[in-house]
Every structure is written in C-alpha cells, then in structure tokens.
Amino acid sequence: MSKKESEIVARLAAQALDEKKAEDVRIINLTNLHNAPTEYFVIASGNVPSHVSALSDAVHEVVKKATGLNPSKIEGYANAEWILMDYFDVVVHIFQKDKRAFYRLDELWADGEIVNI
C-alpha cells in the first residue's frame, strides 16, 4: 500500500468511527518516526462493549466497500474492551474509555503528527 493509500484507509476508518458516534477519534501519522510499527494509527473510544463492536463493524464495512481491503487481523473482538484492526500500514485501535486511559497510546505515540480529520 502506498503512503497515499494508507492515508485514505486511515481517513475512511476515522470517518466510519465518527459516523457511528465514536469519541475522541484521532489519526496519528507515524511515517516520520524511525521504527514505528505502522504508518498510521487510528484511535477512538466507545462507551460499552456493544458500541466498541459496532464501531469495529463500521470500520470493516466502510474500508471494505471503498477499497476492497479486509484487515489482516482483528484482535479483541470477543470482549470488545480494546479492538485492534490491522490493515498493515494502518492499525485501528478502538477502546472502551477506561482502557484507552490506561494504555495511553495517544501519549506513547505523541511524537507522531496528528492528522486533522
């Protein structure tokens, strides 16, 4: 996936999250960081497990419809406290609020550039 394609996938994911009422949706561009695990993180919060699952479903549907891509892996869907969707160059993290506050990915990757949505 090219850098431009990665950005498109990140923006599609963020848009899907926003449309399903995710809170504090963020795209973090990691392309200028040495040894970053991916090019973009998309991070968002949901209120309860069913909301977190619905957010994941929305991302999957929107990205698949627009690009034909499926995530290579989805982790955490069963308990829906923190769902990780791996699109290789884009990793989507959907948290329950308390889990997001505990793991603080936003702070851990604060050297990345926040992309305006």
PDB file of N, CA and C in Angstrom:
ATOM      1  N   MET A   1       0.847  -1.168   0.000  1.00  0.00           N
ATOM      2  CA  MET A   1       0.000   0.000   0.000  1.00  0.00           C
ATOM      3  C   MET A   1       0.898   1.238   0.000  1.00  0.00           C
ATOM      4  N   SER A   2       0.611   2.187  -0.872  1.00  0.00           N
ATOM      5  CA  SER A   2       1.402   3.408  -0.911  1.00  0.00           C
ATOM      6  C   SER A   2       1.033   4.307   0.264  1.00  0.00           C
ATOM      7  N   LYS A   3       1.866   5.319   0.495  1.00  0.00           N
ATOM      8  CA  LYS A   3       1.601   6.251   1.594  1.00  0.00           C
ATOM      9  C   LYS A   3       0.245   6.922   1.397  1.00  0.00           C
ATOM     10  N   LYS A   4      -0.058   7.286   0.175  1.00  0.00           N
ATOM     11  CA  LYS A   4      -1.342   7.928  -0.117  1.00  0.00           C
ATOM     12  C   LYS A   4      -2.501   6.965   0.148  1.00  0.00           C
ATOM     13  N   GLU A   5      -2.361   5.709  -0.245  1.00  0.00           N
ATOM     14  CA  GLU A   5      -3.402   4.713   0.006  1.00  0.00           C
ATOM     15  C   GLU A   5      -3.584   4.490   1.509  1.00  0.00           C
ATOM     16  N   SER A   6      -2.490   4.482   2.238  1.00  0.00           N
ATOM     17  CA  SER A   6      -2.561   4.317   3.693  1.00  0.00           C
ATOM     18  C   SER A   6      -3.335   5.464   4.322  1.00  0.00           C
ATOM     19  N   GLU A   7      -3.066   6.665   3.860  1.00  0.00           N
ATOM     20  CA  GLU A   7      -3.776   7.821   4.404  1.00  0.00           C
ATOM     21  C   GLU A   7      -5.264   7.731   4.088  1.00  0.00           C
ATOM     22  N   ILE A   8      -5.604   7.266   2.904  1.00  0.00           N
ATOM     23  CA  ILE A   8      -7.011   7.107   2.534  1.00  0.00           C
ATOM     24  C   ILE A   8      -7.702   6.103   3.452  1.00  0.00           C
ATOM     25  N   VAL A   9      -7.052   4.966   3.704  1.00  0.00           N
ATOM     26  CA  VAL A   9      -7.622   3.956   4.598  1.00  0.00           C
ATOM     27  C   VAL A   9      -7.790   4.537   6.003  1.00  0.00           C
ATOM     28  N   ALA A  10      -6.807   5.267   6.486  1.00  0.00           N
ATOM     29  CA  ALA A  10      -6.901   5.881   7.818  1.00  0.00           C
ATOM     30  C   ALA A  10      -8.067   6.861   7.876  1.00  0.00           C
ATOM     31  N   ARG A  11      -8.221   7.666   6.854  1.00  0.00           N
ATOM     32  CA  ARG A  11      -9.320   8.639   6.826  1.00  0.00           C
ATOM     33  C   ARG A  11     -10.682   7.949   6.711  1.00  0.00           C
ATOM     34  N   LEU A  12     -10.762   6.890   5.920  1.00  0.00           N
ATOM     35  CA  LEU A  12     -12.018   6.128   5.819  1.00  0.00           C
ATOM     36  C   LEU A  12     -12.397   5.533   7.167  1.00  0.00           C
ATOM     37  N   ALA A  13     -11.415   4.966   7.864  1.00  0.00           N
ATOM     38  CA  ALA A  13     -11.670   4.390   9.189  1.00  0.00           C
ATOM     39  C   ALA A  13     -12.151   5.470  10.154  1.00  0.00           C
ATOM     40  N   ALA A  14     -11.481   6.613  10.155  1.00  0.00           N
ATOM     41  CA  ALA A  14     -11.864   7.709  11.048  1.00  0.00           C
ATOM     42  C   ALA A  14     -13.270   8.204  10.731  1.00  0.00           C
ATOM     43  N   GLN A  15     -13.587   8.295   9.455  1.00  0.00           N
ATOM     44  CA  GLN A  15     -14.919   8.735   9.047  1.00  0.00           C
ATOM     45  C   GLN A  15     -15.982   7.744   9.528  1.00  0.00           C
ATOM     46  N   ALA A  16     -15.718   6.452   9.366  1.00  0.00           N
ATOM     47  CA  ALA A  16     -16.666   5.432   9.819  1.00  0.00           C
ATOM     48  C   ALA A  16     -16.869   5.522  11.324  1.00  0.00           C
ATOM     49  N   LEU A  17     -15.790   5.721  12.053  1.00  0.00           N
ATOM     50  CA  LEU A  17     -15.874   5.842  13.509  1.00  0.00           C
ATOM     51  C   LEU A  17     -16.685   7.067  13.911  1.00  0.00           C
ATOM     52  N   ASP A  18     -16.428   8.168  13.257  1.00  0.00           N
ATOM     53  CA  ASP A  18     -17.141   9.404  13.561  1.00  0.00           C
ATOM     54  C   ASP A  18     -18.640   9.258  13.282  1.00  0.00           C
ATOM     55  N   GLU A  19     -18.976   8.631  12.177  1.00  0.00           N
ATOM     56  CA  GLU A  19     -20.385   8.459  11.810  1.00  0.00           C
ATOM     57  C   GLU A  19     -21.137   7.561  12.792  1.00  0.00           C
ATOM     58  N   LYS A  20     -20.427   6.663  13.467  1.00  0.00           N
ATOM     59  CA  LYS A  20     -21.046   5.776  14.460  1.00  0.00           C
ATOM     60  C   LYS A  20     -20.893   6.314  15.883  1.00  0.00           C
ATOM     61  N   LYS A  21     -20.580   7.600  15.980  1.00  0.00           N
ATOM     62  CA  LYS A  21     -20.529   8.293  17.276  1.00  0.00           C
ATOM     63  C   LYS A  21     -19.398   7.845  18.195  1.00  0.00           C
ATOM     64  N   ALA A  22     -18.264   7.480  17.609  1.00  0.00           N
ATOM     65  CA  ALA A  22     -17.077   7.214  18.427  1.00  0.00           C
ATOM     66  C   ALA A  22     -16.642   8.534  19.058  1.00  0.00           C
ATOM     67  N   GLU A  23     -15.955   8.434  20.168  1.00  0.00           N
ATOM     68  CA  GLU A  23     -15.479   9.629  20.846  1.00  0.00           C
ATOM     69  C   GLU A  23     -13.969   9.779  20.663  1.00  0.00           C
ATOM     70  N   ASP A  24     -13.549  11.040  20.588  1.00  0.00           N
ATOM     71  CA  ASP A  24     -12.127  11.392  20.526  1.00  0.00           C
ATOM     72  C   ASP A  24     -11.390  10.601  19.435  1.00  0.00           C
ATOM     73  N   VAL A  25     -11.899  10.680  18.214  1.00  0.00           N
ATOM     74  CA  VAL A  25     -11.286   9.993  17.076  1.00  0.00           C
ATOM     75  C   VAL A  25     -10.030  10.742  16.679  1.00  0.00           C
ATOM     76  N   ARG A  26      -8.937   9.992  16.531  1.00  0.00           N
ATOM     77  CA  ARG A  26      -7.654  10.573  16.190  1.00  0.00           C
ATOM     78  C   ARG A  26      -6.930   9.743  15.148  1.00  0.00           C
ATOM     79  N   ILE A  27      -6.300  10.407  14.212  1.00  0.00           N
ATOM     80  CA  ILE A  27      -5.365   9.757  13.295  1.00  0.00           C
ATOM     81  C   ILE A  27      -3.980  10.268  13.652  1.00  0.00           C
ATOM     82  N   ILE A  28      -3.050   9.345  13.861  1.00  0.00           N
ATOM     83  CA  ILE A  28      -1.673   9.726  14.146  1.00  0.00           C
ATOM     84  C   ILE A  28      -0.792   9.212  13.009  1.00  0.00           C
ATOM     85  N   ASN A  29      -0.129  10.140  12.332  1.00  0.00           N
ATOM     86  CA  ASN A  29       0.783   9.815  11.245  1.00  0.00           C
ATOM     87  C   ASN A  29       2.139   9.466  11.854  1.00  0.00           C
ATOM     88  N   LEU A  30       2.567   8.234  11.642  1.00  0.00           N
ATOM     89  CA  LEU A  30       3.829   7.762  12.214  1.00  0.00           C
ATOM     90  C   LEU A  30       4.928   7.620  11.157  1.00  0.00           C
ATOM     91  N   THR A  31       4.669   8.078   9.942  1.00  0.00           N
ATOM     92  CA  THR A  31       5.607   7.823   8.837  1.00  0.00           C
ATOM     93  C   THR A  31       6.982   8.454   9.047  1.00  0.00           C
ATOM     94  N   ASN A  32       7.063   9.509   9.827  1.00  0.00           N
ATOM     95  CA  ASN A  32       8.358  10.164  10.037  1.00  0.00           C
ATOM     96  C   ASN A  32       9.085   9.676  11.282  1.00  0.00           C
ATOM     97  N   LEU A  33       8.530   8.665  11.944  1.00  0.00           N
ATOM     98  CA  LEU A  33       9.168   8.130  13.143  1.00  0.00           C
ATOM     99  C   LEU A  33       9.955   6.869  12.794  1.00  0.00           C
ATOM    100  N   HIS A  34      11.187   6.845  13.205  1.00  0.00           N
ATOM    101  CA  HIS A  34      12.042   5.687  12.966  1.00  0.00           C
ATOM    102  C   HIS A  34      11.522   4.494  13.766  1.00  0.00           C
ATOM    103  N   ASN A  35      11.430   3.350  13.145  1.00  0.00           N
ATOM    104  CA  ASN A  35      10.995   2.096  13.777  1.00  0.00           C
ATOM    105  C   ASN A  35       9.536   2.080  14.238  1.00  0.00           C
ATOM    106  N   ALA A  36       8.693   2.937  13.673  1.00  0.00           N
ATOM    107  CA  ALA A  36       7.264   2.877  14.002  1.00  0.00           C
ATOM    108  C   ALA A  36       6.701   1.569  13.446  1.00  0.00           C
ATOM    109  N   PRO A  37       5.751   0.965  14.153  1.00  0.00           N
ATOM    110  CA  PRO A  37       5.227  -0.334  13.723  1.00  0.00           C
ATOM    111  C   PRO A  37       4.312  -0.263  12.502  1.00  0.00           C
ATOM    112  N   THR A  38       3.883   0.919  12.128  1.00  0.00           N
ATOM    113  CA  THR A  38       2.957   1.105  11.021  1.00  0.00           C
ATOM    114  C   THR A  38       3.041   2.554  10.570  1.00  0.00           C
ATOM    115  N   GLU A  39       2.304   2.912   9.528  1.00  0.00           N
ATOM    116  CA  GLU A  39       2.321   4.297   9.052  1.00  0.00           C
ATOM    117  C   GLU A  39       1.313   5.183   9.775  1.00  0.00           C
ATOM    118  N   TYR A  40       0.150   4.617  10.080  1.00  0.00           N
ATOM    119  CA  TYR A  40      -0.908   5.384  10.740  1.00  0.00           C
ATOM    120  C   TYR A  40      -1.557   4.577  11.851  1.00  0.00           C
ATOM    121  N   PHE A  41      -1.843   5.247  12.946  1.00  0.00           N
ATOM    122  CA  PHE A  41      -2.738   4.727  13.965  1.00  0.00           C
ATOM    123  C   PHE A  41      -4.029   5.521  13.868  1.00  0.00           C
ATOM    124  N   VAL A  42      -5.142   4.838  13.962  1.00  0.00           N
ATOM    125  CA  VAL A  42      -6.433   5.488  14.132  1.00  0.00           C
ATOM    126  C   VAL A  42      -6.919   5.025  15.495  1.00  0.00           C
ATOM    127  N   ILE A  43      -7.215   5.980  16.364  1.00  0.00           N
ATOM    128  CA  ILE A  43      -7.584   5.660  17.740  1.00  0.00           C
ATOM    129  C   ILE A  43      -8.928   6.308  18.047  1.00  0.00           C
ATOM    130  N   ALA A  44      -9.799   5.536  18.701  1.00  0.00           N
ATOM    131  CA  ALA A  44     -11.116   6.060  19.069  1.00  0.00           C
ATOM    132  C   ALA A  44     -11.618   5.339  20.305  1.00  0.00           C
ATOM    133  N   SER A  45     -12.647   5.919  20.923  1.00  0.00           N
ATOM    134  CA  SER A  45     -13.252   5.334  22.104  1.00  0.00           C
ATOM    135  C   SER A  45     -14.733   5.074  21.880  1.00  0.00           C
ATOM    136  N   GLY A  46     -15.195   3.985  22.495  1.00  0.00           N
ATOM    137  CA  GLY A  46     -16.613   3.661  22.539  1.00  0.00           C
ATOM    138  C   GLY A  46     -17.058   3.594  23.983  1.00  0.00           C
ATOM    139  N   ASN A  47     -18.368   3.610  24.180  1.00  0.00           N
ATOM    140  CA  ASN A  47     -18.905   3.686  25.544  1.00  0.00           C
ATOM    141  C   ASN A  47     -18.989   2.342  26.251  1.00  0.00           C
ATOM    142  N   VAL A  48     -19.466   1.327  25.570  1.00  0.00           N
ATOM    143  CA  VAL A  48     -19.689   0.000  26.155  1.00  0.00           C
ATOM    144  C   VAL A  48     -19.251  -1.041  25.121  1.00  0.00           C
ATOM    145  N   PRO A  49     -19.099  -2.294  25.523  1.00  0.00           N
ATOM    146  CA  PRO A  49     -18.635  -3.311  24.572  1.00  0.00           C
ATOM    147  C   PRO A  49     -19.445  -3.372  23.275  1.00  0.00           C
ATOM    148  N   SER A  50     -20.752  -3.262  23.345  1.00  0.00           N
ATOM    149  CA  SER A  50     -21.550  -3.331  22.117  1.00  0.00           C
ATOM    150  C   SER A  50     -21.261  -2.151  21.197  1.00  0.00           C
ATOM    151  N   HIS A  51     -20.974  -0.982  21.760  1.00  0.00           N
ATOM    152  CA  HIS A  51     -20.618   0.184  20.951  1.00  0.00           C
ATOM    153  C   HIS A  51     -19.250  -0.024  20.295  1.00  0.00           C
ATOM    154  N   VAL A  52     -18.299  -0.549  21.068  1.00  0.00           N
ATOM    155  CA  VAL A  52     -16.955  -0.811  20.535  1.00  0.00           C
ATOM    156  C   VAL A  52     -17.038  -1.811  19.376  1.00  0.00           C
ATOM    157  N   SER A  53     -17.824  -2.865  19.531  1.00  0.00           N
ATOM    158  CA  SER A  53     -18.007  -3.850  18.455  1.00  0.00           C
ATOM    159  C   SER A  53     -18.653  -3.220  17.228  1.00  0.00           C
ATOM    160  N   ALA A  54     -19.668  -2.391  17.457  1.00  0.00           N
ATOM    161  CA  ALA A  54     -20.348  -1.721  16.337  1.00  0.00           C
ATOM    162  C   ALA A  54     -19.393  -0.786  15.600  1.00  0.00           C
ATOM    163  N   LEU A  55     -18.507  -0.135  16.332  1.00  0.00           N
ATOM    164  CA  LEU A  55     -17.512   0.734  15.697  1.00  0.00           C
ATOM    165  C   LEU A  55     -16.576  -0.078  14.810  1.00  0.00           C
ATOM    166  N   SER A  56     -16.135  -1.217  15.311  1.00  0.00           N
ATOM    167  CA  SER A  56     -15.270  -2.098  14.530  1.00  0.00           C
ATOM    168  C   SER A  56     -15.978  -2.578  13.268  1.00  0.00           C
ATOM    169  N   ASP A  57     -17.229  -2.979  13.416  1.00  0.00           N
ATOM    170  CA  ASP A  57     -18.013  -3.427  12.262  1.00  0.00           C
ATOM    171  C   ASP A  57     -18.132  -2.319  11.213  1.00  0.00           C
ATOM    172  N   ALA A  58     -18.336  -1.089  11.669  1.00  0.00           N
ATOM    173  CA  ALA A  58     -18.474   0.037  10.753  1.00  0.00           C
ATOM    174  C   ALA A  58     -17.173   0.293   9.986  1.00  0.00           C
ATOM    175  N   VAL A  59     -16.051   0.241  10.685  1.00  0.00           N
ATOM    176  CA  VAL A  59     -14.754   0.424  10.012  1.00  0.00           C
ATOM    177  C   VAL A  59     -14.565  -0.654   8.957  1.00  0.00           C
ATOM    178  N   HIS A  60     -14.811  -1.896   9.337  1.00  0.00           N
ATOM    179  CA  HIS A  60     -14.648  -3.007   8.406  1.00  0.00           C
ATOM    180  C   HIS A  60     -15.507  -2.805   7.154  1.00  0.00           C
ATOM    181  N   GLU A  61     -16.756  -2.446   7.345  1.00  0.00           N
ATOM    182  CA  GLU A  61     -17.686  -2.273   6.229  1.00  0.00           C
ATOM    183  C   GLU A  61     -17.274  -1.120   5.310  1.00  0.00           C
ATOM    184  N   VAL A  62     -16.945   0.022   5.891  1.00  0.00           N
ATOM    185  CA  VAL A  62     -16.597   1.194   5.092  1.00  0.00           C
ATOM    186  C   VAL A  62     -15.300   0.983   4.314  1.00  0.00           C
ATOM    187  N   VAL A  63     -14.270   0.475   4.988  1.00  0.00           N
ATOM    188  CA  VAL A  63     -12.983   0.263   4.315  1.00  0.00           C
ATOM    189  C   VAL A  63     -13.130  -0.798   3.218  1.00  0.00           C
ATOM    190  N   LYS A  64     -13.840  -1.872   3.503  1.00  0.00           N
ATOM    191  CA  LYS A  64     -14.047  -2.942   2.516  1.00  0.00           C
ATOM    192  C   LYS A  64     -14.794  -2.420   1.293  1.00  0.00           C
ATOM    193  N   LYS A  65     -15.845  -1.663   1.523  1.00  0.00           N
ATOM    194  CA  LYS A  65     -16.661  -1.146   0.417  1.00  0.00           C
ATOM    195  C   LYS A  65     -15.864  -0.174  -0.467  1.00  0.00           C
ATOM    196  N   ALA A  66     -15.066   0.682   0.167  1.00  0.00           N
ATOM    197  CA  ALA A  66     -14.329   1.707  -0.577  1.00  0.00           C
ATOM    198  C   ALA A  66     -13.060   1.197  -1.245  1.00  0.00           C
ATOM    199  N   THR A  67     -12.400   0.203  -0.622  1.00  0.00           N
ATOM    200  CA  THR A  67     -11.077  -0.200  -1.110  1.00  0.00           C
ATOM    201  C   THR A  67     -10.960  -1.679  -1.451  1.00  0.00           C
ATOM    202  N   GLY A  68     -11.904  -2.480  -0.958  1.00  0.00           N
ATOM    203  CA  GLY A  68     -11.808  -3.925  -1.139  1.00  0.00           C
ATOM    204  C   GLY A  68     -10.912  -4.605  -0.117  1.00  0.00           C
ATOM    205  N   LEU A  69     -10.347  -3.835   0.805  1.00  0.00           N
ATOM    206  CA  LEU A  69      -9.424  -4.393   1.802  1.00  0.00           C
ATOM    207  C   LEU A  69     -10.155  -4.955   3.011  1.00  0.00           C
ATOM    208  N   ASN A  70      -9.664  -6.077   3.488  1.00  0.00           N
ATOM    209  CA  ASN A  70     -10.060  -6.636   4.774  1.00  0.00           C
ATOM    210  C   ASN A  70      -8.876  -6.497   5.714  1.00  0.00           C
ATOM    211  N   PRO A  71      -9.121  -6.352   7.005  1.00  0.00           N
ATOM    212  CA  PRO A  71      -7.974  -6.326   7.919  1.00  0.00           C
ATOM    213  C   PRO A  71      -7.280  -7.680   7.907  1.00  0.00           C
ATOM    214  N   SER A  72      -5.959  -7.657   8.036  1.00  0.00           N
ATOM    215  CA  SER A  72      -5.221  -8.920   8.085  1.00  0.00           C
ATOM    216  C   SER A  72      -5.504  -9.656   9.386  1.00  0.00           C
ATOM    217  N   LYS A  73      -5.870  -8.886  10.419  1.00  0.00           N
ATOM    218  CA  LYS A  73      -6.145  -9.480  11.718  1.00  0.00           C
ATOM    219  C   LYS A  73      -7.043  -8.539  12.508  1.00  0.00           C
ATOM    220  N   ILE A  74      -7.941  -9.123  13.275  1.00  0.00           N
ATOM    221  CA  ILE A  74      -8.745  -8.376  14.243  1.00  0.00           C
ATOM    222  C   ILE A  74      -8.562  -9.069  15.586  1.00  0.00           C
ATOM    223  N   GLU A  75      -8.131  -8.315  16.576  1.00  0.00           N
ATOM    224  CA  GLU A  75      -7.914  -8.848  17.922  1.00  0.00           C
ATOM    225  C   GLU A  75      -8.863  -8.162  18.894  1.00  0.00           C
ATOM    226  N   GLY A  76      -9.339  -8.886  19.875  1.00  0.00           N
ATOM    227  CA  GLY A  76     -10.114  -8.308  20.955  1.00  0.00           C
ATOM    228  C   GLY A  76     -11.601  -8.175  20.714  1.00  0.00           C
ATOM    229  N   TYR A  77     -12.085  -8.699  19.608  1.00  0.00           N
ATOM    230  CA  TYR A  77     -13.499  -8.528  19.268  1.00  0.00           C
ATOM    231  C   TYR A  77     -14.410  -9.237  20.277  1.00  0.00           C
ATOM    232  N   ALA A  78     -13.985 -10.367  20.801  1.00  0.00           N
ATOM    233  CA  ALA A  78     -14.833 -11.166  21.691  1.00  0.00           C
ATOM    234  C   ALA A  78     -15.228 -10.412  22.961  1.00  0.00           C
ATOM    235  N   ASN A  79     -14.268  -9.709  23.578  1.00  0.00           N
ATOM    236  CA  ASN A  79     -14.627  -8.989  24.812  1.00  0.00           C
ATOM    237  C   ASN A  79     -14.842  -7.501  24.580  1.00  0.00           C
ATOM    238  N   ALA A  80     -14.402  -6.992  23.433  1.00  0.00           N
ATOM    239  CA  ALA A  80     -14.662  -5.610  22.997  1.00  0.00           C
ATOM    240  C   ALA A  80     -14.270  -4.547  24.022  1.00  0.00           C
ATOM    241  N   GLU A  81     -13.166  -4.784  24.719  1.00  0.00           N
ATOM    242  CA  GLU A  81     -12.610  -3.740  25.575  1.00  0.00           C
ATOM    243  C   GLU A  81     -11.608  -2.899  24.782  1.00  0.00           C
ATOM    244  N   TRP A  82     -10.854  -3.577  23.915  1.00  0.00           N
ATOM    245  CA  TRP A  82      -9.890  -2.928  23.026  1.00  0.00           C
ATOM    246  C   TRP A  82      -9.831  -3.796  21.778  1.00  0.00           C
ATOM    247  N   ILE A  83     -10.335  -3.278  20.694  1.00  0.00           N
ATOM    248  CA  ILE A  83     -10.286  -4.000  19.420  1.00  0.00           C
ATOM    249  C   ILE A  83      -9.184  -3.384  18.576  1.00  0.00           C
ATOM    250  N   LEU A  84      -8.321  -4.241  18.051  1.00  0.00           N
ATOM    251  CA  LEU A  84      -7.252  -3.825  17.159  1.00  0.00           C
ATOM    252  C   LEU A  84      -7.549  -4.404  15.788  1.00  0.00           C
ATOM    253  N   MET A  85      -7.559  -3.544  14.780  1.00  0.00           N
ATOM    254  CA  MET A  85      -7.777  -3.959  13.393  1.00  0.00           C
ATOM    255  C   MET A  85      -6.506  -3.629  12.613  1.00  0.00           C
ATOM    256  N   ASP A  86      -5.854  -4.647  12.078  1.00  0.00           N
ATOM    257  CA  ASP A  86      -4.561  -4.477  11.415  1.00  0.00           C
ATOM    258  C   ASP A  86      -4.734  -4.488   9.900  1.00  0.00           C
ATOM    259  N   TYR A  87      -4.521  -3.319   9.296  1.00  0.00           N
ATOM    260  CA  TYR A  87      -4.517  -3.192   7.841  1.00  0.00           C
ATOM    261  C   TYR A  87      -3.077  -3.017   7.336  1.00  0.00           C
ATOM    262  N   PHE A  88      -2.124  -3.566   8.032  1.00  0.00           N
ATOM    263  CA  PHE A  88      -0.686  -3.477   7.768  1.00  0.00           C
ATOM    264  C   PHE A  88      -0.153  -2.066   7.952  1.00  0.00           C
ATOM    265  N   ASP A  89      -0.423  -1.167   7.021  1.00  0.00           N
ATOM    266  CA  ASP A  89       0.097   0.194   7.103  1.00  0.00           C
ATOM    267  C   ASP A  89      -0.781   1.111   7.942  1.00  0.00           C
ATOM    268  N   VAL A  90      -1.945   0.620   8.328  1.00  0.00           N
ATOM    269  CA  VAL A  90      -2.872   1.354   9.178  1.00  0.00           C
ATOM    270  C   VAL A  90      -3.358   0.388  10.260  1.00  0.00           C
ATOM    271  N   VAL A  91      -3.251   0.802  11.506  1.00  0.00           N
ATOM    272  CA  VAL A  91      -3.760  -0.002  12.611  1.00  0.00           C
ATOM    273  C   VAL A  91      -4.816   0.822  13.335  1.00  0.00           C
ATOM    274  N   VAL A  92      -6.009   0.255  13.433  1.00  0.00           N
ATOM    275  CA  VAL A  92      -7.137   0.923  14.080  1.00  0.00           C
ATOM    276  C   VAL A  92      -7.280   0.353  15.489  1.00  0.00           C
ATOM    277  N   HIS A  93      -7.308   1.239  16.477  1.00  0.00           N
ATOM    278  CA  HIS A  93      -7.478   0.858  17.879  1.00  0.00           C
ATOM    279  C   HIS A  93      -8.795   1.449  18.358  1.00  0.00           C
ATOM    280  N   ILE A  94      -9.711   0.589  18.806  1.00  0.00           N
ATOM    281  CA  ILE A  94     -10.992   1.056  19.327  1.00  0.00           C
ATOM    282  C   ILE A  94     -11.092   0.568  20.776  1.00  0.00           C
ATOM    283  N   PHE A  95     -11.158   1.517  21.686  1.00  0.00           N
ATOM    284  CA  PHE A  95     -11.110   1.224  23.113  1.00  0.00           C
ATOM    285  C   PHE A  95     -12.426   1.556  23.806  1.00  0.00           C
ATOM    286  N   GLN A  96     -12.692   0.878  24.925  1.00  0.00           N
ATOM    287  CA  GLN A  96     -13.595   1.431  25.912  1.00  0.00           C
ATOM    288  C   GLN A  96     -12.799   2.544  26.597  1.00  0.00           C
ATOM    289  N   LYS A  97     -13.476   3.552  27.062  1.00  0.00           N
ATOM    290  CA  LYS A  97     -12.798   4.746  27.598  1.00  0.00           C
ATOM    291  C   LYS A  97     -11.764   4.434  28.679  1.00  0.00           C
ATOM    292  N   ASP A  98     -12.105   3.564  29.620  1.00  0.00           N
ATOM    293  CA  ASP A  98     -11.171   3.278  30.708  1.00  0.00           C
ATOM    294  C   ASP A  98      -9.917   2.569  30.215  1.00  0.00           C
ATOM    295  N   LYS A  99     -10.058   1.711  29.220  1.00  0.00           N
ATOM    296  CA  LYS A  99      -8.894   1.008  28.660  1.00  0.00           C
ATOM    297  C   LYS A  99      -8.003   1.984  27.899  1.00  0.00           C
ATOM    298  N   ARG A 100      -8.615   2.916  27.190  1.00  0.00           N
ATOM    299  CA  ARG A 100      -7.813   3.914  26.470  1.00  0.00           C
ATOM    300  C   ARG A 100      -7.014   4.766  27.451  1.00  0.00           C
ATOM    301  N   ALA A 101      -7.651   5.151  28.539  1.00  0.00           N
ATOM    302  CA  ALA A 101      -6.953   5.953  29.547  1.00  0.00           C
ATOM    303  C   ALA A 101      -5.817   5.157  30.186  1.00  0.00           C
ATOM    304  N   PHE A 102      -6.022   3.859  30.377  1.00  0.00           N
ATOM    305  CA  PHE A 102      -4.998   3.013  30.997  1.00  0.00           C
ATOM    306  C   PHE A 102      -3.794   2.805  30.076  1.00  0.00           C
ATOM    307  N   TYR A 103      -4.036   2.495  28.797  1.00  0.00           N
ATOM    308  CA  TYR A 103      -2.927   2.175  27.881  1.00  0.00           C
ATOM    309  C   TYR A 103      -2.280   3.409  27.254  1.00  0.00           C
ATOM    310  N   ARG A 104      -2.972   4.521  27.201  1.00  0.00           N
ATOM    311  CA  ARG A 104      -2.427   5.821  26.785  1.00  0.00           C
ATOM    312  C   ARG A 104      -1.635   5.786  25.470  1.00  0.00           C
ATOM    313  N   LEU A 105      -2.163   5.118  24.464  1.00  0.00           N
ATOM    314  CA  LEU A 105      -1.465   5.084  23.170  1.00  0.00           C
ATOM    315  C   LEU A 105      -1.265   6.477  22.598  1.00  0.00           C
ATOM    316  N   ASP A 106      -2.225   7.350  22.827  1.00  0.00           N
ATOM    317  CA  ASP A 106      -2.100   8.726  22.337  1.00  0.00           C
ATOM    318  C   ASP A 106      -0.817   9.370  22.869  1.00  0.00           C
ATOM    319  N   GLU A 107      -0.528   9.136  24.140  1.00  0.00           N
ATOM    320  CA  GLU A 107       0.668   9.702  24.761  1.00  0.00           C
ATOM    321  C   GLU A 107       1.929   8.968  24.323  1.00  0.00           C
ATOM    322  N   LEU A 108       1.839   7.645  24.209  1.00  0.00           N
ATOM    323  CA  LEU A 108       3.015   6.860  23.812  1.00  0.00           C
ATOM    324  C   LEU A 108       3.519   7.241  22.427  1.00  0.00           C
ATOM    325  N   TRP A 109       2.601   7.624  21.547  1.00  0.00           N
ATOM    326  CA  TRP A 109       2.967   7.978  20.177  1.00  0.00           C
ATOM    327  C   TRP A 109       2.795   9.473  19.923  1.00  0.00           C
ATOM    328  N   ALA A 110       2.983  10.278  20.953  1.00  0.00           N
ATOM    329  CA  ALA A 110       2.802  11.721  20.856  1.00  0.00           C
ATOM    330  C   ALA A 110       3.795  12.383  19.894  1.00  0.00           C
ATOM    331  N   ASP A 111       4.887  11.700  19.554  1.00  0.00           N
ATOM    332  CA  ASP A 111       5.853  12.243  18.596  1.00  0.00           C
ATOM    333  C   ASP A 111       5.307  12.188  17.161  1.00  0.00           C
ATOM    334  N   GLY A 112       4.273  11.402  16.957  1.00  0.00           N
ATOM    335  CA  GLY A 112       3.646  11.349  15.642  1.00  0.00           C
ATOM    336  C   GLY A 112       2.848  12.601  15.372  1.00  0.00           C
ATOM    337  N   GLU A 113       2.535  12.817  14.113  1.00  0.00           N
ATOM    338  CA  GLU A 113       1.793  14.001  13.709  1.00  0.00           C
ATOM    339  C   GLU A 113       0.290  13.702  13.751  1.00  0.00           C
ATOM    340  N   ILE A 114      -0.465  14.523  14.466  1.00  0.00           N
ATOM    341  CA  ILE A 114      -1.919  14.390  14.493  1.00  0.00           C
ATOM    342  C   ILE A 114      -2.461  14.914  13.160  1.00  0.00           C
ATOM    343  N   VAL A 115      -3.257  14.081  12.496  1.00  0.00           N
ATOM    344  CA  VAL A 115      -3.842  14.443  11.207  1.00  0.00           C
ATOM    345  C   VAL A 115      -5.227  15.016  11.458  1.00  0.00           C
ATOM    346  N   ASN A 116      -5.494  16.186  10.901  1.00  0.00           N
ATOM    347  CA  ASN A 116      -6.822  16.774  11.036  1.00  0.00           C
ATOM    348  C   ASN A 116      -7.827  15.934  10.271  1.00  0.00           C
ATOM    349  N   ILE A 117      -8.960  15.678  10.917  1.00  0.00           N
ATOM    350  CA  ILE A 117      -9.995  14.862  10.298  1.00  0.00           C
ATOM    351  C   ILE A 117     -11.050  15.792   9.727  1.00  0.00           C
TER     352      ILE A 117
END
